[in-house]
Protein backbone atom coordinates (compact mmCIF):
# COMPACT_ATOMS: atom_id res chain seq x y z
CA MET A 1 -47.20 75.16 -14.77
CA LEU A 2 -43.85 73.72 -14.05
CA ARG A 3 -41.67 73.23 -16.94
CA ILE A 4 -38.72 70.91 -16.95
CA ARG A 5 -35.98 71.43 -19.42
CA THR A 6 -35.35 68.62 -21.67
CA GLU A 7 -31.63 68.62 -20.54
CA ASP A 8 -32.98 68.17 -16.78
CA LYS A 9 -35.24 65.54 -17.74
CA GLU A 10 -32.64 63.56 -19.62
CA ASP A 11 -30.32 63.90 -16.46
CA SER A 12 -33.18 62.61 -14.27
CA VAL A 13 -33.94 59.53 -16.36
CA LEU A 14 -30.21 58.89 -16.62
CA LYS A 15 -29.74 59.08 -12.85
CA ARG A 16 -32.74 56.77 -12.40
CA CYS A 17 -31.76 54.34 -14.82
CA GLY A 18 -28.23 54.51 -13.20
CA THR A 19 -29.58 53.87 -9.83
CA LEU A 20 -31.75 51.12 -11.10
CA PHE A 21 -28.82 49.52 -12.84
CA CYS A 22 -26.71 49.80 -9.72
CA ALA A 23 -29.28 48.36 -7.54
CA SER A 24 -29.88 45.47 -10.05
CA ALA A 25 -26.19 44.70 -10.40
CA PHE A 26 -25.86 44.84 -6.51
CA ALA A 27 -28.76 42.42 -6.20
CA VAL A 28 -27.14 40.19 -8.81
CA ALA A 29 -23.75 40.18 -7.23
CA CYS A 30 -25.49 39.56 -3.82
CA SER A 31 -27.39 36.31 -5.18
CA GLN A 32 -24.30 35.30 -7.02
CA THR A 33 -22.15 35.89 -3.79
CA ASP A 34 -24.59 33.74 -1.90
CA ALA A 35 -24.66 31.16 -4.65
CA GLY A 36 -20.80 31.55 -5.07
CA MET A 37 -20.38 30.93 -1.19
CA ILE A 38 -22.94 27.96 -1.48
CA ALA A 39 -21.00 26.60 -4.35
CA GLY A 40 -17.66 27.29 -2.76
CA ARG A 41 -18.60 25.45 0.42
CA ASP A 42 -19.92 22.61 -1.59
CA LEU A 43 -16.66 22.41 -3.57
CA ALA A 44 -14.64 22.71 -0.37
CA ASP A 45 -16.68 19.86 1.00
CA ASP A 46 -16.17 17.76 -2.22
CA ALA A 47 -12.36 18.54 -2.02
CA ARG A 48 -12.26 17.54 1.60
CA GLU A 49 -14.16 14.20 0.84
CA GLY A 50 -11.88 13.59 -2.10
CA ALA A 51 -8.73 14.15 -0.11
CA ASN A 52 -10.06 11.70 2.43
CA ARG A 53 -10.71 9.03 -0.03
CA ALA A 54 -7.19 9.63 -1.43
CA GLY A 55 -5.79 9.39 2.24
CA ASP A 56 -7.69 6.10 2.75
CA ALA A 57 -6.50 4.75 -0.52
CA ALA A 58 -3.06 5.67 0.36
CA ARG A 59 -3.30 3.96 3.68
CA ARG A 60 -4.65 0.97 2.00
CA GLY A 61 -1.77 1.00 -0.47
CA MET A 62 0.85 1.33 2.38
CA GLU A 63 -0.63 -1.52 4.33
CA ARG A 64 -0.47 -3.78 1.19
CA ALA A 65 2.92 -2.64 0.25
CA GLY A 66 3.81 -3.34 3.95
CA GLU A 67 2.49 -6.99 3.63
CA ALA A 68 4.30 -7.41 0.35
CA ALA A 69 7.56 -6.36 1.93
CA ASP A 70 6.84 -8.74 4.74
CA ARG A 71 6.13 -11.57 2.33
CA ALA A 72 9.42 -10.59 0.28
CA GLY A 73 11.33 -10.44 3.52
CA ALA A 74 9.93 -13.93 4.63
CA SER A 75 10.98 -15.35 1.04
CA VAL A 76 14.48 -13.93 1.37
CA ALA A 77 14.82 -15.17 4.95
CA ASP A 78 13.69 -18.53 3.91
CA ALA A 79 16.07 -18.52 0.89
CA ALA A 80 19.00 -17.75 3.26
CA ILE A 81 18.07 -20.73 5.58
CA THR A 82 17.81 -23.15 2.76
CA SER A 83 21.18 -21.97 1.34
CA ALA A 84 22.69 -22.21 5.03
CA VAL A 85 21.27 -25.80 5.56
CA LYS A 86 22.31 -26.93 2.08
CA THR A 87 25.94 -25.56 2.52
CA LYS A 88 26.02 -27.30 5.85
CA LEU A 89 24.97 -30.55 4.42
CA LEU A 90 27.49 -30.26 1.52
CA ALA A 91 30.29 -29.64 3.89
CA ASP A 92 29.74 -32.50 6.30
CA ASP A 93 31.70 -35.48 5.68
CA MET A 94 28.99 -37.84 6.92
CA VAL A 95 26.12 -36.45 4.91
CA ARG A 96 25.76 -36.62 1.15
CA GLY A 97 24.17 -33.31 0.72
CA LEU A 98 23.70 -33.71 -2.92
CA ASN A 99 21.14 -36.28 -2.45
CA ILE A 100 19.02 -34.13 -0.08
CA ASP A 101 16.62 -31.64 -1.07
CA VAL A 102 16.12 -28.72 1.37
CA ASP A 103 12.83 -26.70 1.38
CA THR A 104 12.05 -23.83 3.78
CA ASN A 105 8.75 -22.11 4.51
CA HIS A 106 8.63 -19.45 7.29
CA GLY A 107 11.63 -21.15 8.93
CA LEU A 108 10.19 -24.59 8.66
CA VAL A 109 12.73 -26.68 7.12
CA THR A 110 11.57 -30.01 5.12
CA LEU A 111 14.56 -32.47 4.14
CA ASN A 112 13.58 -34.92 1.36
CA GLY A 113 15.76 -37.41 -0.41
CA ASN A 114 17.65 -40.52 -0.04
CA VAL A 115 20.31 -41.35 2.48
CA SER A 116 22.44 -44.22 2.96
CA SER A 117 21.74 -44.75 6.78
CA ARG A 118 19.57 -43.56 9.49
CA ALA A 119 22.70 -41.95 11.11
CA GLU A 120 23.18 -39.82 7.95
CA ALA A 121 19.55 -38.89 8.26
CA ASN A 122 19.93 -37.88 11.81
CA GLN A 123 23.06 -35.89 11.16
CA ALA A 124 21.23 -33.92 8.45
CA VAL A 125 18.43 -33.13 10.79
CA ARG A 126 20.93 -32.00 13.54
CA LEU A 127 22.66 -29.88 10.97
CA ALA A 128 19.41 -28.17 9.93
CA GLN A 129 18.33 -27.65 13.38
CA GLY A 130 21.50 -25.94 14.38
CA THR A 131 21.18 -23.54 11.48
CA HIS A 132 20.11 -19.80 12.52
CA GLY A 133 16.30 -19.19 11.60
CA VAL A 134 15.12 -22.61 11.59
CA THR A 135 12.14 -23.05 13.75
CA LYS A 136 11.43 -26.78 13.17
CA VAL A 137 12.72 -29.45 10.73
CA VAL A 138 10.66 -31.98 9.25
CA ASP A 139 12.60 -35.41 8.27
CA ASN A 140 11.30 -36.84 5.05
CA LEU A 141 14.64 -38.63 4.41
CA LYS A 142 14.45 -42.07 3.30
CA VAL A 143 17.23 -44.73 4.04
CA ALA A 144 17.98 -46.43 0.59
CA ASN A 145 18.23 -49.96 0.20
CA ARG A 146 21.62 -51.07 -1.21
């Protein structure tokens, strides 16, 4: 009969347990690695999708900012046109510029108010038409009765 010493028996059990533990740890690590890789891929896909959404939002924001800047630029241009027309009306000896209201919208100038004659109204229209940036002049001037 074969006799195994107790020490040999313990060593053998320990070796088997160690091997089993290593195999188990390897299996867990492999399954976690696969799960980790899948989770990593999912996380990368989510990050990519989030980045695309952020990029789309940034593009929309830039477009809106550009539109707002265009509107602001148009408002500034209209204000400059109104100021230039009003200055010409006030400087002209034939036109009483204080009685004429000047409104500008995208280069379209509207003249409102009372004038003493049709000649004064025509001169106001000519001055407005000769102003840089004016695309059209609407004459709403009324000849006042004396």
